[in-house]
């Protein structure tokens, strides 16, 4: 088993290094780059994914390109919180784009090492490289000597208004305010919430939520109205994030409550969470919603999803005068689940539910 550790940061490769020399060399390269980041006091956390990006960026990614460490992409439903839930390794799509950025930064339209890539990585890498040379649509600009991350807020707002989707997303993530939005700023945020680009919409929702938590008056009726519409969006990630944001802003209305009811019946865990989170913020719920919650609670018990079981149990205690009697009645035909349900009811559950 190959393992490299720098200040409790490690990369573990699930294979025998002796049987795969290329994997051993790739592990060694990763370790050297990891140490390079540490010695140069890299500003951000050196997660395995960041280390892999650095491997590609330093021109040492050829060995890594031939190794498939991610067989199945995890379900990271809230992509706007990457820094909180970073992925353990680069998947093929991200690895291809990282290679394209590395070639584009060196002004290399036809890098020789592309011929050594297998097709699953080669084609998306070449497409990304063509896109970058055609549009220069990247917040990272290799010809600029200084970073833009420390620029003042008025420049971030200006950057959020340009056509480049990549720069727009980064700018949106850095927007702040400690006062009411100007008409121009509000119009800009509303445009982003209406964007056909899902990444822009998701980050715009995240920014509204963040700024509203810091300065409540930003949650005006125009923006709240748009968030309520997005809660019913066909994209499950957008709808879930919009619903959570409306809930945190305490702006649920009759229509969003109906939408949250439908979310409880979803096949996607993060959508169920958004609906349950909305209802858990209320002091009471209608009887027809309670029946939907009961079904979702039973499904969570059957799936041994103890995080959701705890979340629903906490909500029952908020809604019902005698939650224990309710659960005994609910589970009379499934007595094997009753001890688990009652245990969740009598213990304070964790506040955070993992959606990945």
Protein backbone atom coordinates (compact mmCIF):
# COMPACT_ATOMS: atom_id res chain seq x y z
CA UNK A 1 0.00 0.00 0.00
CA UNK A 2 1.46 3.36 -0.98
CA UNK A 3 1.12 6.19 1.48
CA UNK A 4 2.54 9.70 1.70
CA UNK A 5 1.89 11.97 4.66
CA UNK A 6 2.74 15.65 5.23
CA UNK A 7 1.34 17.12 8.44
CA UNK A 8 -1.53 14.58 8.53
CA UNK A 9 -2.30 15.00 4.81
CA UNK A 10 -1.98 11.68 3.04
CA UNK A 11 -2.55 9.99 -0.28
CA UNK A 12 -3.40 6.33 -0.11
CA UNK A 13 -3.45 4.31 -3.31
CA UNK A 14 -5.47 1.11 -3.16
CA UNK A 15 -3.06 -1.15 -5.00
CA UNK A 16 0.15 -3.08 -4.48
CA UNK A 17 3.02 -0.87 -5.65
CA UNK A 18 5.25 -3.85 -6.32
CA UNK A 19 2.88 -5.12 -9.01
CA UNK A 20 2.53 -1.72 -10.72
CA UNK A 21 5.80 0.27 -11.01
CA UNK A 22 4.06 3.22 -12.69
CA UNK A 23 1.77 3.56 -9.69
CA UNK A 24 4.80 3.61 -7.40
CA UNK A 25 6.45 6.35 -9.47
CA UNK A 26 3.23 8.37 -9.55
CA UNK A 27 3.04 8.09 -5.76
CA UNK A 28 6.61 9.31 -5.47
CA UNK A 29 5.90 12.27 -7.78
CA UNK A 30 2.81 13.13 -5.78
CA UNK A 31 4.82 13.05 -2.57
CA UNK A 32 7.53 15.32 -3.97
CA UNK A 33 4.98 17.88 -5.18
CA UNK A 34 3.11 17.65 -1.89
CA UNK A 35 6.34 18.46 -0.09
CA UNK A 36 7.06 21.27 -2.57
CA UNK A 37 3.72 22.89 -1.70
CA UNK A 38 4.43 22.52 1.99
CA UNK A 39 7.95 23.94 1.76
CA UNK A 40 6.67 26.94 -0.21
CA UNK A 41 3.91 27.56 2.36
CA UNK A 42 1.04 27.08 -0.06
CA UNK A 43 -1.79 29.33 1.12
CA UNK A 44 -4.66 26.83 0.87
CA UNK A 45 -5.21 23.39 2.36
CA UNK A 46 -3.23 20.76 0.48
CA UNK A 47 -5.97 18.20 -0.07
CA UNK A 48 -5.22 15.20 -2.31
CA UNK A 49 -7.14 16.92 -5.13
CA UNK A 50 -5.08 20.12 -4.81
CA UNK A 51 -1.88 18.08 -4.79
CA UNK A 52 -2.96 16.35 -7.99
CA UNK A 53 -3.66 19.70 -9.64
CA UNK A 54 -0.18 20.81 -8.65
CA UNK A 55 1.33 17.62 -10.12
CA UNK A 56 -0.26 18.44 -13.48
CA UNK A 57 0.61 22.12 -13.20
CA UNK A 58 4.29 21.42 -12.61
CA UNK A 59 4.43 19.30 -15.77
CA UNK A 60 4.76 15.99 -13.91
CA UNK A 61 1.31 14.63 -14.67
CA UNK A 62 2.11 12.12 -17.43
CA UNK A 63 2.24 9.16 -15.07
CA UNK A 64 -0.87 10.29 -13.21
CA UNK A 65 -2.78 10.60 -16.49
CA UNK A 66 -2.55 6.88 -17.00
CA UNK A 67 -3.97 5.91 -13.62
CA UNK A 68 -7.69 5.73 -12.92
CA UNK A 69 -8.09 6.42 -9.21
CA UNK A 70 -11.75 7.43 -9.43
CA UNK A 71 -13.99 4.68 -10.75
CA UNK A 72 -17.22 6.44 -9.81
CA UNK A 73 -17.75 10.13 -9.21
CA UNK A 74 -19.20 10.85 -5.79
CA UNK A 75 -22.44 12.76 -5.39
CA UNK A 76 -21.24 16.16 -4.23
CA UNK A 77 -24.60 17.84 -4.55
CA UNK A 78 -23.54 21.33 -3.47
CA UNK A 79 -20.75 22.18 -5.87
CA UNK A 80 -20.58 25.75 -4.53
CA UNK A 81 -19.04 24.46 -1.32
CA UNK A 82 -16.07 22.72 -2.86
CA UNK A 83 -13.69 24.10 -0.23
CA UNK A 84 -15.76 22.39 2.48
CA UNK A 85 -16.24 19.05 0.72
CA UNK A 86 -13.28 18.69 -1.64
CA UNK A 87 -13.08 15.43 -3.56
CA UNK A 88 -10.31 12.98 -2.69
CA UNK A 89 -8.89 12.65 -6.24
CA UNK A 90 -9.40 14.14 -9.68
CA UNK A 91 -11.91 12.32 -11.87
CA UNK A 92 -11.27 12.01 -15.62
CA UNK A 93 -13.20 15.14 -16.53
CA UNK A 94 -11.34 17.31 -14.05
CA UNK A 95 -8.00 15.70 -14.86
CA UNK A 96 -8.55 16.41 -18.56
CA UNK A 97 -9.31 20.08 -17.86
CA UNK A 98 -6.30 20.40 -15.54
CA UNK A 99 -4.07 19.12 -18.35
CA UNK A 100 -5.67 21.58 -20.77
CA UNK A 101 -5.00 24.48 -18.39
CA UNK A 102 -1.36 23.36 -18.01
CA UNK A 103 -0.85 23.31 -21.80
CA UNK A 104 -2.74 26.58 -22.36
CA UNK A 105 -0.68 28.33 -19.67
CA UNK A 106 2.46 27.33 -21.59
CA UNK A 107 0.94 28.49 -24.90
CA UNK A 108 1.25 24.93 -26.22
CA UNK A 109 -1.55 24.16 -28.67
CA UNK A 110 -0.28 20.67 -29.54
CA UNK A 111 1.59 19.25 -26.53
CA UNK A 112 3.62 16.16 -27.43
CA UNK A 113 2.51 14.27 -24.33
CA UNK A 114 -1.10 14.16 -25.56
CA UNK A 115 -0.22 11.16 -27.74
CA UNK A 116 0.42 9.13 -24.58
CA UNK A 117 -3.07 9.75 -23.22
CA UNK A 118 -5.80 7.15 -23.56
CA UNK A 119 -8.98 8.17 -25.37
CA UNK A 120 -11.15 8.73 -22.29
CA UNK A 121 -8.80 11.51 -21.20
CA UNK A 122 -7.40 12.67 -24.54
CA UNK A 123 -10.60 13.81 -26.25
CA UNK A 124 -12.00 15.98 -23.44
CA UNK A 125 -8.52 17.41 -22.86
CA UNK A 126 -8.20 18.46 -26.50
CA UNK A 127 -11.71 19.94 -26.52
CA UNK A 128 -10.95 21.94 -23.39
CA UNK A 129 -7.65 23.13 -24.84
CA UNK A 130 -9.38 24.37 -28.00
CA UNK A 131 -11.97 26.16 -25.86
CA UNK A 132 -9.30 27.89 -23.79
CA UNK A 133 -7.33 29.10 -26.81
CA UNK A 134 -10.53 30.30 -28.48
CA UNK A 135 -12.06 32.12 -25.51
CA UNK A 136 -9.34 32.64 -22.85
CA UNK A 137 -12.26 31.97 -20.49
CA UNK A 138 -10.41 31.29 -17.27
CA UNK A 139 -9.93 33.24 -14.07
CA UNK A 140 -6.35 32.00 -14.08
CA UNK A 141 -4.39 34.23 -16.44
CA UNK A 142 -0.80 32.96 -16.78
CA UNK A 143 0.52 36.20 -18.30
CA UNK A 144 -0.51 38.33 -15.32
CA UNK A 145 2.11 38.75 -12.63
CA UNK A 146 -0.19 39.49 -9.72
CA UNK A 147 -3.27 37.77 -8.35
CA UNK A 148 -6.69 39.39 -8.47
CA UNK A 149 -7.85 37.78 -5.25
CA UNK A 150 -7.02 40.82 -3.13
CA UNK A 151 -8.84 43.36 -5.29
CA UNK A 152 -11.47 45.69 -3.75
CA UNK A 153 -15.19 44.96 -3.88
CA UNK A 154 -16.02 47.45 -6.64
CA UNK A 155 -13.68 45.55 -8.96
CA UNK A 156 -15.24 42.21 -8.03
CA UNK A 157 -18.66 43.62 -8.95
CA UNK A 158 -17.24 44.82 -12.28
CA UNK A 159 -15.69 41.41 -12.93
CA UNK A 160 -19.02 39.72 -12.16
CA UNK A 161 -20.57 41.65 -15.05
CA UNK A 162 -18.21 40.54 -17.83
CA UNK A 163 -18.96 37.79 -20.36
CA UNK A 164 -16.36 35.24 -19.22
CA UNK A 165 -18.25 32.48 -17.40
CA UNK A 166 -15.20 31.27 -15.46
CA UNK A 167 -14.23 34.73 -14.24
CA UNK A 168 -17.86 35.51 -13.50
CA UNK A 169 -18.17 32.47 -11.20
CA UNK A 170 -15.02 33.41 -9.27
CA UNK A 171 -16.20 37.01 -8.98
CA UNK A 172 -19.63 35.95 -7.72
CA UNK A 173 -17.96 33.87 -5.00
CA UNK A 174 -16.14 36.97 -3.73
CA UNK A 175 -19.00 39.48 -3.72
CA UNK A 176 -19.75 41.09 -0.38
CA UNK A 177 -21.85 43.93 0.94
CA UNK A 178 -22.62 45.54 4.30
CA UNK A 179 -25.39 47.75 3.01
CA UNK A 180 -28.47 47.66 0.80
CA UNK A 181 -27.83 46.61 -2.79
CA UNK A 182 -27.75 49.35 -5.37
CA UNK A 183 -30.18 49.00 -8.26
CA UNK A 184 -27.28 48.00 -10.52
CA UNK A 185 -26.06 45.34 -8.08
CA UNK A 186 -29.53 43.89 -7.60
CA UNK A 187 -30.08 43.74 -11.36
CA UNK A 188 -26.76 41.93 -11.77
CA UNK A 189 -27.63 39.29 -9.15
CA UNK A 190 -31.06 38.76 -10.66
CA UNK A 191 -29.45 38.26 -14.09
CA UNK A 192 -27.12 35.65 -12.62
CA UNK A 193 -30.02 33.86 -10.96
CA UNK A 194 -31.67 33.73 -14.40
CA UNK A 195 -28.52 32.59 -16.22
CA UNK A 196 -28.67 29.54 -18.55
CA UNK A 197 -25.30 28.51 -17.07
CA UNK A 198 -26.03 26.26 -14.07
CA UNK A 199 -22.69 27.02 -12.40
CA UNK A 200 -23.46 30.73 -12.45
CA UNK A 201 -26.95 30.14 -11.05
CA UNK A 202 -25.67 27.90 -8.25
CA UNK A 203 -22.95 30.34 -7.21
CA UNK A 204 -25.37 33.26 -7.41
CA UNK A 205 -27.72 31.44 -5.01
CA UNK A 206 -24.79 30.76 -2.67
CA UNK A 207 -23.73 34.40 -2.78
CA UNK A 208 -27.22 35.70 -2.03
CA UNK A 209 -27.42 33.34 0.93
CA UNK A 210 -23.99 34.33 2.24
CA UNK A 211 -24.56 38.05 1.91
CA UNK A 212 -28.07 37.82 3.35
CA UNK A 213 -26.76 36.03 6.43
CA UNK A 214 -24.24 38.84 6.92
CA UNK A 215 -26.65 41.65 6.04
CA UNK A 216 -30.31 40.68 6.12
CA UNK A 217 -31.76 43.56 4.00
CA UNK A 218 -30.22 42.07 0.87
CA UNK A 219 -32.99 39.45 0.93
CA UNK A 220 -35.49 41.80 -0.75
CA UNK A 221 -38.69 40.63 -2.39
CA UNK A 222 -37.30 40.62 -5.94
CA UNK A 223 -34.42 38.29 -5.03
CA UNK A 224 -36.53 36.14 -2.71
CA UNK A 225 -39.16 35.80 -5.44
CA UNK A 226 -36.52 34.56 -7.87
CA UNK A 227 -35.20 32.05 -5.32
CA UNK A 228 -38.72 30.69 -4.80
CA UNK A 229 -39.01 30.14 -8.56
CA UNK A 230 -35.63 28.37 -8.61
CA UNK A 231 -36.80 26.05 -5.83
CA UNK A 232 -39.01 24.45 -8.49
CA UNK A 233 -36.22 24.27 -11.09
CA UNK A 234 -35.86 21.13 -13.21
CA UNK A 235 -32.21 20.84 -12.17
CA UNK A 236 -32.19 18.97 -8.86
CA UNK A 237 -29.07 20.69 -7.52
CA UNK A 238 -30.42 24.17 -8.28
CA UNK A 239 -33.84 23.38 -6.78
CA UNK A 240 -32.33 21.88 -3.62
CA UNK A 241 -29.92 24.75 -3.07
CA UNK A 242 -32.61 27.37 -3.71
CA UNK A 243 -34.96 25.64 -1.25
CA UNK A 244 -32.27 25.54 1.44
CA UNK A 245 -31.50 29.22 0.87
CA UNK A 246 -35.15 30.28 1.06
CA UNK A 247 -35.40 28.28 4.29
CA UNK A 248 -32.33 29.91 5.83
CA UNK A 249 -33.72 33.33 4.91
CA UNK A 250 -36.99 32.36 6.65
CA UNK A 251 -38.94 33.18 3.47
CA UNK A 252 -40.95 30.00 2.95
CA UNK A 253 -44.41 30.65 1.53
CA UNK A 254 -47.35 28.44 0.63
CA UNK A 255 -45.97 27.61 -2.80
CA UNK A 256 -42.46 26.68 -1.59
CA UNK A 257 -44.03 24.52 1.11
CA UNK A 258 -45.88 22.61 -1.61
CA UNK A 259 -42.61 22.23 -3.53
CA UNK A 260 -40.88 20.98 -0.37
CA UNK A 261 -43.65 18.38 -0.01
CA UNK A 262 -42.83 16.98 -3.44
CA UNK A 263 -39.13 16.94 -2.56
CA UNK A 264 -39.76 14.41 0.20
CA UNK A 265 -40.74 11.87 -2.48
CA UNK A 266 -37.62 12.43 -4.60
CA UNK A 267 -35.16 9.70 -5.55
CA UNK A 268 -32.24 12.05 -4.81
CA UNK A 269 -30.96 12.26 -1.27
CA UNK A 270 -30.02 15.93 -1.43
CA UNK A 271 -33.49 16.84 -2.70
CA UNK A 272 -35.11 14.93 0.18
CA UNK A 273 -32.77 16.77 2.53
CA UNK A 274 -33.82 20.17 1.11
CA UNK A 275 -37.50 19.37 1.64
CA UNK A 276 -36.93 17.97 5.12
CA UNK A 277 -34.74 20.93 6.03
CA UNK A 278 -37.49 23.33 4.97
CA UNK A 279 -40.10 21.60 7.13
CA UNK A 280 -37.76 21.21 10.09
CA UNK A 281 -37.55 25.01 10.26
CA UNK A 282 -41.31 25.26 10.89
CA UNK A 283 -43.04 24.98 14.27
CA UNK A 284 -45.89 22.95 12.77
CA UNK A 285 -46.81 21.27 9.50
CA UNK A 286 -50.12 20.25 7.86
CA UNK A 287 -51.38 16.69 8.33
CA UNK A 288 -50.84 15.79 4.66
CA UNK A 289 -47.18 16.86 4.94
CA UNK A 290 -46.78 14.85 8.16
CA UNK A 291 -47.84 11.75 6.23
CA UNK A 292 -45.15 12.42 3.62
CA UNK A 293 -42.57 12.91 6.37
CA UNK A 294 -43.68 9.65 7.99
CA UNK A 295 -43.08 7.79 4.72
CA UNK A 296 -39.67 9.40 4.31
CA UNK A 297 -38.82 8.54 7.91
CA UNK A 298 -39.75 4.88 7.41
CA UNK A 299 -37.66 4.76 4.22
CA UNK A 300 -34.70 6.19 6.15
CA UNK A 301 -35.14 3.49 8.80
CA UNK A 302 -35.32 0.76 6.16
CA UNK A 303 -32.16 2.10 4.50
CA UNK A 304 -30.36 2.42 7.86
CA UNK A 305 -29.82 6.09 7.02
CA UNK A 306 -29.24 7.18 10.59
CA UNK A 307 -28.37 10.76 9.68
CA UNK A 308 -31.81 11.29 8.18
CA UNK A 309 -33.42 9.30 10.99
CA UNK A 310 -31.89 11.72 13.49
CA UNK A 311 -32.90 14.74 11.44
CA UNK A 312 -36.54 13.63 11.20
CA UNK A 313 -36.61 12.68 14.89
CA UNK A 314 -35.53 16.19 15.86
CA UNK A 315 -38.28 17.63 13.64
CA UNK A 316 -40.92 15.37 15.22
CA UNK A 317 -39.99 16.75 18.63
CA UNK A 318 -40.57 20.24 17.32
CA UNK A 319 -43.90 19.54 15.65
CA UNK A 320 -45.65 17.10 18.00
CA UNK A 321 -46.71 17.22 21.61
CA UNK A 322 -46.16 13.47 22.00
CA UNK A 323 -43.70 12.35 19.30
CA UNK A 324 -43.06 9.00 21.00
CA UNK A 325 -46.73 8.01 20.78
CA UNK A 326 -46.75 9.08 17.13
CA UNK A 327 -43.78 6.85 16.29
CA UNK A 328 -45.24 3.90 18.18
CA UNK A 329 -48.41 4.23 16.13
CA UNK A 330 -46.46 4.74 12.89
CA UNK A 331 -44.28 1.67 13.40
CA UNK A 332 -46.82 -0.73 14.91
CA UNK A 333 -46.53 -2.93 11.81
CA UNK A 334 -42.71 -2.68 11.81
CA UNK A 335 -41.77 -3.13 15.47
CA UNK A 336 -38.17 -3.97 14.56
CA UNK A 337 -37.59 -0.30 13.69
CA UNK A 338 -39.17 1.14 16.82
CA UNK A 339 -36.10 0.89 19.12
CA UNK A 340 -33.99 2.74 16.54
CA UNK A 341 -36.65 5.42 16.12
CA UNK A 342 -37.08 5.92 19.86
CA UNK A 343 -33.33 6.00 20.40
CA UNK A 344 -33.05 8.78 17.80
CA UNK A 345 -35.90 10.60 19.48
CA UNK A 346 -34.22 10.49 22.88
CA UNK A 347 -30.76 11.52 21.74
CA UNK A 348 -29.64 14.83 20.31
CA UNK A 349 -28.74 14.08 16.66
CA UNK A 350 -25.91 15.67 14.72
CA UNK A 351 -26.91 18.95 13.12
CA UNK A 352 -25.13 18.28 9.83
CA UNK A 353 -26.35 15.66 7.39
CA UNK A 354 -23.80 14.35 4.91
CA UNK A 355 -25.26 14.49 1.42
CA UNK A 356 -22.30 13.09 -0.55
